[in-house]
Amino acid sequence: MDLATTLGMLAGGAFITIAILMGGSFSQFVDAPSVLIVLGGGLSATLIRFPLAGVASAFKIGGKVAFSHKKQDPRELIDQIAEMGDIVRRSGPLGLESIELEDANLKKGSQFIADGYDSNFIRESMELARDQFLTRLQEGQRVFKSLGDAAPAFGMIGTLVGLVQLLANMDDPGAIGPAMAVALLTTLYGAVLANLVCLPIADKLTAKFEVEEINQTLIIDGIMSVRDGKSPALIREMLTAYLPESAKKDDDEDELAQAA
């Protein structure tokens, strides 16, 4: 589970709730017409922009990345690929059938090597799987960004609706309160939905895209190196180029500490 997302949303909701309760009753901030305008309007606008299947897939992958995403350390990937290279040199390609791997694309590449597939086929298949996965992430980011943009806009639309209702019922004091509630709460709902849910998840998907683009390319190059029978030391040296500078510095410091 991604604690940052869970804690962030819970903390944001808690702070807003505490601020509401300090000034009055929570029931004052619950308005069904405002919810319908913001949620219904935002979802409708998103469905117009994207196909239904794309929206459903975006919510699925957005929830998975935001709440259950486990970060894959590239150094762990390099260690696993180097271990695969050592197994192939000692036991041959069939030795990879017994290795346990978490990453789906790395596992697929390992199976390709064990089955003796051609290098071109392995690269093309893994690149296709990588591109399809990255496309789903990118589509999910676009859907959540669209919903985050639409929510405040429909909040403003709700404000206009409330103001029209208010002005149309100036002679009826009992209708002024509900109309004013719609006018103000739709803006509140739109801002909260956009800035506490949709846009943060869109940013998280963008960050996930950047990380996975590097990791999946690292995996493909690593699998091809194992397929070509390169030594584990050479595989590590080649794949270290994919590490961020901070990770490279940490590795250098570890090596110096071990040497000392």
C-alpha atoms as a PDB file:
ATOM      1  CA  MET A   1       0.000   0.000   0.000  1.00  0.00           C
ATOM      2  CA  ASP A   2       1.175   3.529  -0.800  1.00  0.00           C
ATOM      3  CA  LEU A   3       0.983   5.228   2.614  1.00  0.00           C
ATOM      4  CA  ALA A   4       1.726   8.667   1.171  1.00  0.00           C
ATOM      5  CA  THR A   5      -1.515   8.726  -0.832  1.00  0.00           C
ATOM      6  CA  THR A   6      -3.616   7.305   1.990  1.00  0.00           C
ATOM      7  CA  LEU A   7      -2.165   9.617   4.634  1.00  0.00           C
ATOM      8  CA  GLY A   8      -2.381  12.636   2.351  1.00  0.00           C
ATOM      9  CA  MET A   9      -6.039  12.151   1.518  1.00  0.00           C
ATOM     10  CA  LEU A  10      -7.003  11.261   5.089  1.00  0.00           C
ATOM     11  CA  ALA A  11      -5.107  14.237   6.476  1.00  0.00           C
ATOM     12  CA  GLY A  12      -6.602  16.603   3.906  1.00  0.00           C
ATOM     13  CA  GLY A  13     -10.117  15.361   4.605  1.00  0.00           C
ATOM     14  CA  ALA A  14      -9.527  15.526   8.363  1.00  0.00           C
ATOM     15  CA  PHE A  15      -8.254  19.108   8.275  1.00  0.00           C
ATOM     16  CA  ILE A  16     -11.199  20.248   6.180  1.00  0.00           C
ATOM     17  CA  THR A  17     -13.650  18.444   8.472  1.00  0.00           C
ATOM     18  CA  ILE A  18     -12.075  19.919  11.615  1.00  0.00           C
ATOM     19  CA  ALA A  19     -12.225  23.411  10.118  1.00  0.00           C
ATOM     20  CA  ILE A  20     -15.923  22.877   9.285  1.00  0.00           C
ATOM     21  CA  LEU A  21     -16.768  21.571  12.757  1.00  0.00           C
ATOM     22  CA  MET A  22     -14.952  24.466  14.432  1.00  0.00           C
ATOM     23  CA  GLY A  23     -17.315  26.869  12.694  1.00  0.00           C
ATOM     24  CA  GLY A  24     -20.609  24.993  12.789  1.00  0.00           C
ATOM     25  CA  SER A  25     -22.353  21.778  11.808  1.00  0.00           C
ATOM     26  CA  PHE A  26     -21.070  19.386   9.168  1.00  0.00           C
ATOM     27  CA  SER A  27     -24.589  18.981   7.808  1.00  0.00           C
ATOM     28  CA  GLN A  28     -24.446  22.588   6.627  1.00  0.00           C
ATOM     29  CA  PHE A  29     -21.847  21.528   4.050  1.00  0.00           C
ATOM     30  CA  VAL A  30     -23.811  18.595   2.636  1.00  0.00           C
ATOM     31  CA  ASP A  31     -25.885  19.448  -0.432  1.00  0.00           C
ATOM     32  CA  ALA A  32     -27.101  16.822  -2.897  1.00  0.00           C
ATOM     33  CA  PRO A  33     -27.672  19.179  -5.878  1.00  0.00           C
ATOM     34  CA  SER A  34     -24.099  20.457  -5.555  1.00  0.00           C
ATOM     35  CA  VAL A  35     -22.752  16.879  -5.552  1.00  0.00           C
ATOM     36  CA  LEU A  36     -24.786  16.068  -8.654  1.00  0.00           C
ATOM     37  CA  ILE A  37     -23.522  19.106 -10.529  1.00  0.00           C
ATOM     38  CA  VAL A  38     -19.839  18.571  -9.712  1.00  0.00           C
ATOM     39  CA  LEU A  39     -19.600  14.772  -9.902  1.00  0.00           C
ATOM     40  CA  GLY A  40     -22.172  14.288 -12.635  1.00  0.00           C
ATOM     41  CA  GLY A  41     -20.918  17.162 -14.735  1.00  0.00           C
ATOM     42  CA  GLY A  42     -17.232  16.270 -14.288  1.00  0.00           C
ATOM     43  CA  LEU A  43     -17.772  12.611 -15.169  1.00  0.00           C
ATOM     44  CA  SER A  44     -19.951  13.533 -18.140  1.00  0.00           C
ATOM     45  CA  ALA A  45     -17.320  15.885 -19.533  1.00  0.00           C
ATOM     46  CA  THR A  46     -14.657  13.212 -19.064  1.00  0.00           C
ATOM     47  CA  LEU A  47     -16.773  10.608 -20.853  1.00  0.00           C
ATOM     48  CA  ILE A  48     -17.175  12.993 -23.780  1.00  0.00           C
ATOM     49  CA  ARG A  49     -13.392  13.373 -24.050  1.00  0.00           C
ATOM     50  CA  PHE A  50     -12.456   9.703 -23.660  1.00  0.00           C
ATOM     51  CA  PRO A  51     -13.985   6.321 -24.588  1.00  0.00           C
ATOM     52  CA  LEU A  52     -15.852   4.497 -21.823  1.00  0.00           C
ATOM     53  CA  ALA A  53     -13.329   1.657 -21.728  1.00  0.00           C
ATOM     54  CA  GLY A  54     -10.498   4.168 -21.345  1.00  0.00           C
ATOM     55  CA  VAL A  55     -12.213   5.892 -18.423  1.00  0.00           C
ATOM     56  CA  ALA A  56     -12.897   2.582 -16.652  1.00  0.00           C
ATOM     57  CA  SER A  57      -9.295   1.480 -17.199  1.00  0.00           C
ATOM     58  CA  ALA A  58      -8.020   4.842 -15.926  1.00  0.00           C
ATOM     59  CA  PHE A  59      -9.933   4.560 -12.654  1.00  0.00           C
ATOM     60  CA  LYS A  60      -8.652   1.016 -12.191  1.00  0.00           C
ATOM     61  CA  ILE A  61      -5.001   1.817 -12.846  1.00  0.00           C
ATOM     62  CA  GLY A  62      -5.254   5.138 -10.979  1.00  0.00           C
ATOM     63  CA  GLY A  63      -6.517   3.393  -7.858  1.00  0.00           C
ATOM     64  CA  LYS A  64      -3.876   0.694  -8.168  1.00  0.00           C
ATOM     65  CA  VAL A  65      -0.998   3.149  -8.563  1.00  0.00           C
ATOM     66  CA  ALA A  66      -2.256   5.627  -5.980  1.00  0.00           C
ATOM     67  CA  PHE A  67      -3.157   3.224  -3.178  1.00  0.00           C
ATOM     68  CA  SER A  68      -1.352  -0.076  -3.748  1.00  0.00           C
ATOM     69  CA  HIS A  69       1.692   0.879  -5.787  1.00  0.00           C
ATOM     70  CA  LYS A  70       4.932  -0.772  -4.707  1.00  0.00           C
ATOM     71  CA  LYS A  71       7.946   1.148  -5.880  1.00  0.00           C
ATOM     72  CA  GLN A  72      10.426  -0.955  -7.850  1.00  0.00           C
ATOM     73  CA  ASP A  73      14.026  -0.130  -6.963  1.00  0.00           C
ATOM     74  CA  PRO A  74      16.176  -0.246 -10.139  1.00  0.00           C
ATOM     75  CA  ARG A  75      19.073  -1.568  -8.084  1.00  0.00           C
ATOM     76  CA  GLU A  76      16.964  -4.580  -7.130  1.00  0.00           C
ATOM     77  CA  LEU A  77      16.164  -5.119 -10.804  1.00  0.00           C
ATOM     78  CA  ILE A  78      19.873  -5.005 -11.657  1.00  0.00           C
ATOM     79  CA  ASP A  79      20.632  -7.528  -8.907  1.00  0.00           C
ATOM     80  CA  GLN A  80      17.916  -9.865 -10.191  1.00  0.00           C
ATOM     81  CA  ILE A  81      19.088  -9.601 -13.807  1.00  0.00           C
ATOM     82  CA  ALA A  82      22.720 -10.156 -12.796  1.00  0.00           C
ATOM     83  CA  GLU A  83      21.595 -13.237 -10.865  1.00  0.00           C
ATOM     84  CA  MET A  84      19.795 -14.451 -13.987  1.00  0.00           C
ATOM     85  CA  GLY A  85      22.975 -13.983 -15.989  1.00  0.00           C
ATOM     86  CA  ASP A  86      24.894 -16.051 -13.431  1.00  0.00           C
ATOM     87  CA  ILE A  87      22.269 -18.817 -13.563  1.00  0.00           C
ATOM     88  CA  VAL A  88      22.402 -18.965 -17.361  1.00  0.00           C
ATOM     89  CA  ARG A  89      26.203 -19.195 -17.363  1.00  0.00           C
ATOM     90  CA  ARG A  90      26.180 -21.983 -14.746  1.00  0.00           C
ATOM     91  CA  SER A  91      23.033 -23.968 -15.573  1.00  0.00           C
ATOM     92  CA  GLY A  92      21.978 -22.847 -19.023  1.00  0.00           C
ATOM     93  CA  PRO A  93      18.727 -21.087 -20.028  1.00  0.00           C
ATOM     94  CA  LEU A  94      16.532 -23.791 -18.478  1.00  0.00           C
ATOM     95  CA  GLY A  95      17.879 -22.821 -15.065  1.00  0.00           C
ATOM     96  CA  LEU A  96      15.733 -19.679 -15.225  1.00  0.00           C
ATOM     97  CA  GLU A  97      12.549 -21.719 -14.848  1.00  0.00           C
ATOM     98  CA  SER A  98      13.110 -22.010 -11.101  1.00  0.00           C
ATOM     99  CA  ILE A  99      13.782 -18.309 -10.380  1.00  0.00           C
ATOM    100  CA  GLU A 100      11.065 -16.236  -8.644  1.00  0.00           C
ATOM    101  CA  LEU A 101      10.453 -12.783 -10.165  1.00  0.00           C
ATOM    102  CA  GLU A 102       7.848 -10.140  -9.284  1.00  0.00           C
ATOM    103  CA  ASP A 103       7.937  -7.869 -12.336  1.00  0.00           C
ATOM    104  CA  ALA A 104       5.648  -9.234 -15.055  1.00  0.00           C
ATOM    105  CA  ASN A 105       7.823  -8.109 -17.978  1.00  0.00           C
ATOM    106  CA  LEU A 106      11.005  -9.425 -16.356  1.00  0.00           C
ATOM    107  CA  LYS A 107       9.271 -12.738 -15.706  1.00  0.00           C
ATOM    108  CA  LYS A 108       8.093 -12.870 -19.315  1.00  0.00           C
ATOM    109  CA  GLY A 109      11.616 -12.174 -20.593  1.00  0.00           C
ATOM    110  CA  SER A 110      13.025 -14.890 -18.331  1.00  0.00           C
ATOM    111  CA  GLN A 111      10.529 -17.370 -19.765  1.00  0.00           C
ATOM    112  CA  PHE A 112      11.410 -16.326 -23.314  1.00  0.00           C
ATOM    113  CA  ILE A 113      15.079 -17.065 -22.641  1.00  0.00           C
ATOM    114  CA  ALA A 114      14.271 -20.416 -21.021  1.00  0.00           C
ATOM    115  CA  ASP A 115      12.137 -21.346 -24.034  1.00  0.00           C
ATOM    116  CA  GLY A 116      14.960 -20.446 -26.426  1.00  0.00           C
ATOM    117  CA  TYR A 117      13.209 -17.720 -28.405  1.00  0.00           C
ATOM    118  CA  ASP A 118      15.065 -15.603 -30.964  1.00  0.00           C
ATOM    119  CA  SER A 119      16.607 -12.323 -29.753  1.00  0.00           C
ATOM    120  CA  ASN A 120      14.573 -10.177 -32.149  1.00  0.00           C
ATOM    121  CA  PHE A 121      11.332 -11.806 -31.044  1.00  0.00           C
ATOM    122  CA  ILE A 122      12.180 -11.289 -27.370  1.00  0.00           C
ATOM    123  CA  ARG A 123      13.021  -7.612 -27.830  1.00  0.00           C
ATOM    124  CA  GLU A 124       9.975  -6.871 -29.982  1.00  0.00           C
ATOM    125  CA  SER A 125       7.588  -8.662 -27.612  1.00  0.00           C
ATOM    126  CA  MET A 126       8.958  -6.979 -24.505  1.00  0.00           C
ATOM    127  CA  GLU A 127       9.032  -3.544 -26.099  1.00  0.00           C
ATOM    128  CA  LEU A 128       5.403  -4.000 -27.148  1.00  0.00           C
ATOM    129  CA  ALA A 129       4.418  -4.988 -23.589  1.00  0.00           C
ATOM    130  CA  ARG A 130       6.321  -1.986 -22.207  1.00  0.00           C
ATOM    131  CA  ASP A 131       4.703   0.439 -24.655  1.00  0.00           C
ATOM    132  CA  GLN A 132       1.211  -0.885 -23.933  1.00  0.00           C
ATOM    133  CA  PHE A 133       1.740  -0.529 -20.184  1.00  0.00           C
ATOM    134  CA  LEU A 134       3.108   3.009 -20.540  1.00  0.00           C
ATOM    135  CA  THR A 135       0.185   3.924 -22.807  1.00  0.00           C
ATOM    136  CA  ARG A 136      -2.273   2.793 -20.123  1.00  0.00           C
ATOM    137  CA  LEU A 137      -0.460   4.895 -17.535  1.00  0.00           C
ATOM    138  CA  GLN A 138      -0.471   7.918 -19.827  1.00  0.00           C
ATOM    139  CA  GLU A 139      -4.164   7.487 -20.629  1.00  0.00           C
ATOM    140  CA  GLY A 140      -4.953   7.220 -16.924  1.00  0.00           C
ATOM    141  CA  GLN A 141      -3.023  10.409 -16.227  1.00  0.00           C
ATOM    142  CA  ARG A 142      -4.954  12.238 -18.934  1.00  0.00           C
ATOM    143  CA  VAL A 143      -8.332  11.052 -17.592  1.00  0.00           C
ATOM    144  CA  PHE A 144      -7.612  12.146 -14.017  1.00  0.00           C
ATOM    145  CA  LYS A 145      -6.156  15.440 -15.260  1.00  0.00           C
ATOM    146  CA  SER A 146      -9.323  15.999 -17.314  1.00  0.00           C
ATOM    147  CA  LEU A 147     -11.556  15.258 -14.314  1.00  0.00           C
ATOM    148  CA  GLY A 148      -9.417  17.542 -12.157  1.00  0.00           C
ATOM    149  CA  ASP A 149      -9.842  20.352 -14.688  1.00  0.00           C
ATOM    150  CA  ALA A 150     -13.584  19.745 -15.083  1.00  0.00           C
ATOM    151  CA  ALA A 151     -14.483  19.631 -11.378  1.00  0.00           C
ATOM    152  CA  PRO A 152     -13.718  23.317 -10.583  1.00  0.00           C
ATOM    153  CA  ALA A 153     -15.360  24.366 -13.857  1.00  0.00           C
ATOM    154  CA  PHE A 154     -18.586  22.607 -12.905  1.00  0.00           C
ATOM    155  CA  GLY A 155     -18.221  24.111  -9.453  1.00  0.00           C
ATOM    156  CA  MET A 156     -18.439  27.517 -11.130  1.00  0.00           C
ATOM    157  CA  ILE A 157     -21.406  26.330 -13.207  1.00  0.00           C
ATOM    158  CA  GLY A 158     -23.114  25.290  -9.963  1.00  0.00           C
ATOM    159  CA  THR A 159     -22.388  28.703  -8.515  1.00  0.00           C
ATOM    160  CA  LEU A 160     -24.114  30.335 -11.478  1.00  0.00           C
ATOM    161  CA  VAL A 161     -27.072  27.966 -11.132  1.00  0.00           C
ATOM    162  CA  GLY A 162     -27.382  28.848  -7.460  1.00  0.00           C
ATOM    163  CA  LEU A 163     -27.187  32.559  -8.150  1.00  0.00           C
ATOM    164  CA  VAL A 164     -29.907  32.294 -10.800  1.00  0.00           C
ATOM    165  CA  GLN A 165     -32.112  30.420  -8.370  1.00  0.00           C
ATOM    166  CA  LEU A 166     -31.379  32.962  -5.663  1.00  0.00           C
ATOM    167  CA  LEU A 167     -32.233  35.948  -7.845  1.00  0.00           C
ATOM    168  CA  ALA A 168     -35.356  34.257  -9.156  1.00  0.00           C
ATOM    169  CA  ASN A 169     -36.653  33.732  -5.623  1.00  0.00           C
ATOM    170  CA  MET A 170     -35.760  37.011  -3.939  1.00  0.00           C
ATOM    171  CA  ASP A 171     -39.369  37.358  -2.818  1.00  0.00           C
ATOM    172  CA  ASP A 172     -39.267  33.937  -1.091  1.00  0.00           C
ATOM    173  CA  PRO A 173     -36.863  34.003   1.888  1.00  0.00           C
ATOM    174  CA  GLY A 174     -37.171  30.225   2.314  1.00  0.00           C
ATOM    175  CA  ALA A 175     -35.672  29.574  -1.128  1.00  0.00           C
ATOM    176  CA  ILE A 176     -32.700  31.894  -0.711  1.00  0.00           C
ATOM    177  CA  GLY A 177     -30.822  29.555   1.688  1.00  0.00           C
ATOM    178  CA  PRO A 178     -30.851  26.430  -0.535  1.00  0.00           C
ATOM    179  CA  ALA A 179     -29.959  28.498  -3.597  1.00  0.00           C
ATOM    180  CA  MET A 180     -27.031  30.107  -1.800  1.00  0.00           C
ATOM    181  CA  ALA A 181     -25.891  26.660  -0.617  1.00  0.00           C
ATOM    182  CA  VAL A 182     -25.777  25.419  -4.221  1.00  0.00           C
ATOM    183  CA  ALA A 183     -23.935  28.574  -5.266  1.00  0.00           C
ATOM    184  CA  LEU A 184     -21.175  28.175  -2.679  1.00  0.00           C
ATOM    185  CA  LEU A 185     -20.896  24.435  -2.075  1.00  0.00           C
ATOM    186  CA  THR A 186     -20.453  23.490  -5.725  1.00  0.00           C
ATOM    187  CA  THR A 187     -17.318  25.636  -5.824  1.00  0.00           C
ATOM    188  CA  LEU A 188     -16.105  23.982  -2.612  1.00  0.00           C
ATOM    189  CA  TYR A 189     -16.809  20.464  -3.863  1.00  0.00           C
ATOM    190  CA  GLY A 190     -15.130  21.137  -7.199  1.00  0.00           C
ATOM    191  CA  ALA A 191     -11.997  22.553  -5.575  1.00  0.00           C
ATOM    192  CA  VAL A 192     -11.707  19.672  -3.080  1.00  0.00           C
ATOM    193  CA  LEU A 193     -12.280  16.962  -5.694  1.00  0.00           C
ATOM    194  CA  ALA A 194      -9.733  18.490  -8.065  1.00  0.00           C
ATOM    195  CA  ASN A 195      -6.980  19.380  -5.604  1.00  0.00           C
ATOM    196  CA  LEU A 196      -7.268  16.561  -3.080  1.00  0.00           C
ATOM    197  CA  VAL A 197      -8.081  13.623  -5.373  1.00  0.00           C
ATOM    198  CA  CYS A 198      -7.877  13.998  -9.151  1.00  0.00           C
ATOM    199  CA  LEU A 199      -4.834  16.205  -9.761  1.00  0.00           C
ATOM    200  CA  PRO A 200      -2.626  14.472  -7.124  1.00  0.00           C
ATOM    201  CA  ILE A 201      -3.434  11.073  -8.654  1.00  0.00           C
ATOM    202  CA  ALA A 202      -2.693  12.482 -12.133  1.00  0.00           C
ATOM    203  CA  ASP A 203       0.694  13.702 -10.884  1.00  0.00           C
ATOM    204  CA  LYS A 204       1.379  10.316  -9.282  1.00  0.00           C
ATOM    205  CA  LEU A 205       0.615   8.585 -12.577  1.00  0.00           C
ATOM    206  CA  THR A 206       3.006  10.973 -14.347  1.00  0.00           C
ATOM    207  CA  ALA A 207       5.756  10.120 -11.854  1.00  0.00           C
ATOM    208  CA  LYS A 208       4.969   6.409 -12.241  1.00  0.00           C
ATOM    209  CA  PHE A 209       5.215   6.764 -16.043  1.00  0.00           C
ATOM    210  CA  GLU A 210       8.683   8.321 -15.815  1.00  0.00           C
ATOM    211  CA  VAL A 211       9.953   5.654 -13.416  1.00  0.00           C
ATOM    212  CA  GLU A 212       8.469   2.732 -15.327  1.00  0.00           C
ATOM    213  CA  GLU A 213       9.773   3.999 -18.669  1.00  0.00           C
ATOM    214  CA  ILE A 214      13.316   3.742 -17.293  1.00  0.00           C
ATOM    215  CA  ASN A 215      12.776   0.503 -15.376  1.00  0.00           C
ATOM    216  CA  GLN A 216      11.135  -1.334 -18.262  1.00  0.00           C
ATOM    217  CA  THR A 217      13.844  -0.251 -20.703  1.00  0.00           C
ATOM    218  CA  LEU A 218      16.426  -1.408 -18.136  1.00  0.00           C
ATOM    219  CA  ILE A 219      14.667  -4.776 -17.977  1.00  0.00           C
ATOM    220  CA  ILE A 220      14.636  -5.178 -21.759  1.00  0.00           C
ATOM    221  CA  ASP A 221      18.341  -4.371 -22.113  1.00  0.00           C
ATOM    222  CA  GLY A 222      19.108  -6.646 -19.164  1.00  0.00           C
ATOM    223  CA  ILE A 223      17.150  -9.564 -20.626  1.00  0.00           C
ATOM    224  CA  MET A 224      18.933  -9.145 -23.959  1.00  0.00           C
ATOM    225  CA  SER A 225      22.287  -9.165 -22.155  1.00  0.00           C
ATOM    226  CA  VAL A 226      21.339 -12.377 -20.344  1.00  0.00           C
ATOM    227  CA  ARG A 227      20.142 -13.863 -23.643  1.00  0.00           C
ATOM    228  CA  ASP A 228      23.510 -13.025 -25.213  1.00  0.00           C
ATOM    229  CA  GLY A 229      25.365 -14.771 -22.376  1.00  0.00           C
ATOM    230  CA  LYS A 230      27.140 -11.712 -20.965  1.00  0.00           C
ATOM    231  CA  SER A 231      28.816 -12.050 -17.570  1.00  0.00           C
ATOM    232  CA  PRO A 232      26.992 -10.824 -14.436  1.00  0.00           C
ATOM    233  CA  ALA A 233      29.720  -8.224 -13.830  1.00  0.00           C
ATOM    234  CA  LEU A 234      29.342  -6.813 -17.336  1.00  0.00           C
ATOM    235  CA  ILE A 235      25.542  -6.806 -17.007  1.00  0.00           C
ATOM    236  CA  ARG A 236      25.790  -4.808 -13.784  1.00  0.00           C
ATOM    237  CA  GLU A 237      28.194  -2.358 -15.374  1.00  0.00           C
ATOM    238  CA  MET A 238      25.936  -1.826 -18.397  1.00  0.00           C
ATOM    239  CA  LEU A 239      22.712  -1.443 -16.431  1.00  0.00           C
ATOM    240  CA  THR A 240      24.174   0.933 -13.848  1.00  0.00           C
ATOM    241  CA  ALA A 241      23.806   3.660 -16.489  1.00  0.00           C
ATOM    242  CA  TYR A 242      20.043   3.580 -15.822  1.00  0.00           C
ATOM    243  CA  LEU A 243      20.431   4.476 -12.154  1.00  0.00           C
ATOM    244  CA  PRO A 244      19.790   8.067 -11.060  1.00  0.00           C
ATOM    245  CA  GLU A 245      22.843  10.019  -9.965  1.00  0.00           C
ATOM    246  CA  SER A 246      21.883   9.810  -6.287  1.00  0.00           C
ATOM    247  CA  ALA A 247      21.777   6.005  -6.472  1.00  0.00           C
ATOM    248  CA  LYS A 248      25.128   5.889  -8.261  1.00  0.00           C
ATOM    249  CA  LYS A 249      26.689   8.029  -5.524  1.00  0.00           C
ATOM    250  CA  ASP A 250      25.247   5.738  -2.839  1.00  0.00           C
ATOM    251  CA  ASP A 251      26.713   2.704  -4.598  1.00  0.00           C
ATOM    252  CA  ASP A 252      30.113   4.395  -4.911  1.00  0.00           C
ATOM    253  CA  GLU A 253      30.067   5.279  -1.207  1.00  0.00           C
ATOM    254  CA  ASP A 254      29.170   1.694  -0.310  1.00  0.00           C
ATOM    255  CA  GLU A 255      32.049   0.368  -2.413  1.00  0.00           C
ATOM    256  CA  LEU A 256      34.496   2.807  -0.752  1.00  0.00           C
ATOM    257  CA  ALA A 257      33.249   1.812   2.698  1.00  0.00           C
ATOM    258  CA  GLN A 258      33.708  -1.879   1.897  1.00  0.00           C
ATOM    259  CA  ALA A 259      37.192  -1.223   0.518  1.00  0.00           C
ATOM    260  CA  ALA A 260      38.166   0.658   3.672  1.00  0.00           C
END
